């Protein structure tokens, strides 16, 4: 599994950042390449909620099912590929002064191993 991390500070409180990052309606605003995200069932909030996604990676578009796989109030949001793919995007939040330090982790397994 490969993980890439990058961080920065947002001038908003952790509760506001958490609410934004865990809301499927706002996800296309902060996940690069995510073109649309629609509920794939009746549950649209909380851990385990699944969504039909249309993503663009390079010149190619593909459909996937992603889910909110981990949530910790005001500190962690993880969006993962559903169905066995080892891909995820995690946001780790920590209060920093009047804002929020955010660490973004993108994790994936290369197909067929390296």
C-alpha atoms as a PDB file:
ATOM      1  CA  UNK A   1       0.000   0.000   0.000  1.00  0.00           C
ATOM      2  CA  UNK A   2       1.309   3.446  -0.946  1.00  0.00           C
ATOM      3  CA  UNK A   3       0.291   6.534   1.034  1.00  0.00           C
ATOM      4  CA  UNK A   4       0.882  10.146   0.051  1.00  0.00           C
ATOM      5  CA  UNK A   5       0.440  12.846   2.722  1.00  0.00           C
ATOM      6  CA  UNK A   6       0.151  16.622   2.469  1.00  0.00           C
ATOM      7  CA  UNK A   7      -1.028  19.150   5.024  1.00  0.00           C
ATOM      8  CA  UNK A   8      -2.062  22.717   5.556  1.00  0.00           C
ATOM      9  CA  UNK A   9      -4.154  24.972   7.769  1.00  0.00           C
ATOM     10  CA  UNK A  10      -7.699  26.132   7.059  1.00  0.00           C
ATOM     11  CA  UNK A  11      -9.087  29.283   8.659  1.00  0.00           C
ATOM     12  CA  UNK A  12     -12.214  27.586  10.036  1.00  0.00           C
ATOM     13  CA  UNK A  13     -12.985  25.600  13.173  1.00  0.00           C
ATOM     14  CA  UNK A  14     -12.653  21.802  13.166  1.00  0.00           C
ATOM     15  CA  UNK A  15     -16.418  21.284  13.438  1.00  0.00           C
ATOM     16  CA  UNK A  16     -17.032  23.376  10.306  1.00  0.00           C
ATOM     17  CA  UNK A  17     -14.251  21.594   8.366  1.00  0.00           C
ATOM     18  CA  UNK A  18     -15.523  18.172   9.518  1.00  0.00           C
ATOM     19  CA  UNK A  19     -19.098  19.000   8.441  1.00  0.00           C
ATOM     20  CA  UNK A  20     -17.867  20.018   4.984  1.00  0.00           C
ATOM     21  CA  UNK A  21     -15.572  17.012   4.453  1.00  0.00           C
ATOM     22  CA  UNK A  22     -18.179  14.454   5.575  1.00  0.00           C
ATOM     23  CA  UNK A  23     -21.024  15.874   3.420  1.00  0.00           C
ATOM     24  CA  UNK A  24     -21.406  14.009   0.121  1.00  0.00           C
ATOM     25  CA  UNK A  25     -22.950  17.085  -1.522  1.00  0.00           C
ATOM     26  CA  UNK A  26     -19.715  19.026  -0.965  1.00  0.00           C
ATOM     27  CA  UNK A  27     -17.253  16.171  -1.697  1.00  0.00           C
ATOM     28  CA  UNK A  28     -16.757  17.092  -5.397  1.00  0.00           C
ATOM     29  CA  UNK A  29     -15.470  20.481  -4.219  1.00  0.00           C
ATOM     30  CA  UNK A  30     -12.490  19.006  -2.359  1.00  0.00           C
ATOM     31  CA  UNK A  31     -11.748  15.600  -3.945  1.00  0.00           C
ATOM     32  CA  UNK A  32      -9.851  16.259  -7.167  1.00  0.00           C
ATOM     33  CA  UNK A  33     -11.275  14.349 -10.121  1.00  0.00           C
ATOM     34  CA  UNK A  34     -14.595  13.554  -8.432  1.00  0.00           C
ATOM     35  CA  UNK A  35     -17.193  14.795 -10.907  1.00  0.00           C
ATOM     36  CA  UNK A  36     -20.379  13.561  -9.256  1.00  0.00           C
ATOM     37  CA  UNK A  37     -21.497  11.704  -6.161  1.00  0.00           C
ATOM     38  CA  UNK A  38     -25.032  10.356  -5.737  1.00  0.00           C
ATOM     39  CA  UNK A  39     -26.472   8.217  -2.910  1.00  0.00           C
ATOM     40  CA  UNK A  40     -26.373   4.469  -3.629  1.00  0.00           C
ATOM     41  CA  UNK A  41     -28.991   3.719  -0.997  1.00  0.00           C
ATOM     42  CA  UNK A  42     -31.169   5.328   1.626  1.00  0.00           C
ATOM     43  CA  UNK A  43     -28.316   6.145   4.029  1.00  0.00           C
ATOM     44  CA  UNK A  44     -26.581   9.392   3.048  1.00  0.00           C
ATOM     45  CA  UNK A  45     -24.748  10.351   6.248  1.00  0.00           C
ATOM     46  CA  UNK A  46     -22.477   8.612   8.695  1.00  0.00           C
ATOM     47  CA  UNK A  47     -20.102   5.718   8.550  1.00  0.00           C
ATOM     48  CA  UNK A  48     -21.097   3.128   5.940  1.00  0.00           C
ATOM     49  CA  UNK A  49     -23.048   5.494   3.672  1.00  0.00           C
ATOM     50  CA  UNK A  50     -22.373   4.500   0.044  1.00  0.00           C
ATOM     51  CA  UNK A  51     -22.406   6.573  -3.118  1.00  0.00           C
ATOM     52  CA  UNK A  52     -22.198   6.122  -6.887  1.00  0.00           C
ATOM     53  CA  UNK A  53     -19.266   8.218  -8.069  1.00  0.00           C
ATOM     54  CA  UNK A  54     -18.097   9.396 -11.461  1.00  0.00           C
ATOM     55  CA  UNK A  55     -14.382  10.148 -11.387  1.00  0.00           C
ATOM     56  CA  UNK A  56     -11.866  11.464 -13.868  1.00  0.00           C
ATOM     57  CA  UNK A  57      -8.290  10.240 -13.582  1.00  0.00           C
ATOM     58  CA  UNK A  58      -6.055  11.664 -16.289  1.00  0.00           C
ATOM     59  CA  UNK A  59      -7.932  11.497 -19.589  1.00  0.00           C
ATOM     60  CA  UNK A  60     -10.203   8.636 -18.454  1.00  0.00           C
ATOM     61  CA  UNK A  61     -13.567   8.674 -16.658  1.00  0.00           C
ATOM     62  CA  UNK A  62     -14.806   5.744 -14.614  1.00  0.00           C
ATOM     63  CA  UNK A  63     -17.647   4.853 -12.279  1.00  0.00           C
ATOM     64  CA  UNK A  64     -17.050   3.568  -8.766  1.00  0.00           C
ATOM     65  CA  UNK A  65     -18.871   3.029  -5.508  1.00  0.00           C
ATOM     66  CA  UNK A  66     -17.316   4.890  -2.599  1.00  0.00           C
ATOM     67  CA  UNK A  67     -18.293   5.018   1.034  1.00  0.00           C
ATOM     68  CA  UNK A  68     -17.727   6.989   4.181  1.00  0.00           C
ATOM     69  CA  UNK A  69     -15.673   4.287   5.876  1.00  0.00           C
ATOM     70  CA  UNK A  70     -14.422   6.086   8.989  1.00  0.00           C
ATOM     71  CA  UNK A  71     -15.622   9.124  10.884  1.00  0.00           C
ATOM     72  CA  UNK A  72     -14.424  10.582  14.176  1.00  0.00           C
ATOM     73  CA  UNK A  73     -16.233  13.769  15.125  1.00  0.00           C
ATOM     74  CA  UNK A  74     -14.174  16.856  14.246  1.00  0.00           C
ATOM     75  CA  UNK A  75     -10.964  14.819  13.748  1.00  0.00           C
ATOM     76  CA  UNK A  76     -11.174  12.187  10.948  1.00  0.00           C
ATOM     77  CA  UNK A  77     -13.032  11.586   7.665  1.00  0.00           C
ATOM     78  CA  UNK A  78     -12.197   8.665   5.354  1.00  0.00           C
ATOM     79  CA  UNK A  79     -13.729   8.066   1.926  1.00  0.00           C
ATOM     80  CA  UNK A  80     -12.886   4.583   0.544  1.00  0.00           C
ATOM     81  CA  UNK A  81     -13.550   2.559  -2.565  1.00  0.00           C
ATOM     82  CA  UNK A  82     -16.224  -0.029  -1.814  1.00  0.00           C
ATOM     83  CA  UNK A  83     -15.964  -3.585  -3.091  1.00  0.00           C
ATOM     84  CA  UNK A  84     -12.448  -4.615  -2.255  1.00  0.00           C
ATOM     85  CA  UNK A  85     -10.350  -1.957  -3.988  1.00  0.00           C
ATOM     86  CA  UNK A  86      -7.617  -0.655  -1.748  1.00  0.00           C
ATOM     87  CA  UNK A  87      -8.041   3.076  -2.303  1.00  0.00           C
ATOM     88  CA  UNK A  88      -8.911   5.737   0.240  1.00  0.00           C
ATOM     89  CA  UNK A  89      -8.765   9.435   0.981  1.00  0.00           C
ATOM     90  CA  UNK A  90      -8.414  10.392   4.646  1.00  0.00           C
ATOM     91  CA  UNK A  91      -8.601  13.850   6.188  1.00  0.00           C
ATOM     92  CA  UNK A  92      -7.094  14.196   9.686  1.00  0.00           C
ATOM     93  CA  UNK A  93      -8.151  17.354  11.528  1.00  0.00           C
ATOM     94  CA  UNK A  94      -6.635  19.107  14.545  1.00  0.00           C
ATOM     95  CA  UNK A  95      -7.467  22.501  16.036  1.00  0.00           C
ATOM     96  CA  UNK A  96      -4.624  24.966  15.414  1.00  0.00           C
ATOM     97  CA  UNK A  97      -5.066  28.429  16.897  1.00  0.00           C
ATOM     98  CA  UNK A  98      -8.276  29.810  15.425  1.00  0.00           C
ATOM     99  CA  UNK A  99      -8.190  27.390  12.503  1.00  0.00           C
ATOM    100  CA  UNK A 100      -7.794  23.705  11.697  1.00  0.00           C
ATOM    101  CA  UNK A 101      -4.692  21.831  10.611  1.00  0.00           C
ATOM    102  CA  UNK A 102      -5.679  19.294   7.935  1.00  0.00           C
ATOM    103  CA  UNK A 103      -3.534  16.378   6.808  1.00  0.00           C
ATOM    104  CA  UNK A 104      -4.730  14.699   3.605  1.00  0.00           C
ATOM    105  CA  UNK A 105      -3.684  11.071   3.076  1.00  0.00           C
ATOM    106  CA  UNK A 106      -4.263   9.330  -0.246  1.00  0.00           C
ATOM    107  CA  UNK A 107      -3.684   5.578  -0.030  1.00  0.00           C
ATOM    108  CA  UNK A 108      -3.774   2.987  -2.792  1.00  0.00           C
ATOM    109  CA  UNK A 109      -2.441  -0.421  -3.759  1.00  0.00           C
ATOM    110  CA  UNK A 110      -0.903  -0.729  -7.205  1.00  0.00           C
ATOM    111  CA  UNK A 111      -2.655  -3.389  -9.308  1.00  0.00           C
ATOM    112  CA  UNK A 112      -0.752  -6.654  -9.385  1.00  0.00           C
ATOM    113  CA  UNK A 113       1.789  -5.477  -6.832  1.00  0.00           C
ATOM    114  CA  UNK A 114       5.126  -3.904  -7.568  1.00  0.00           C
END
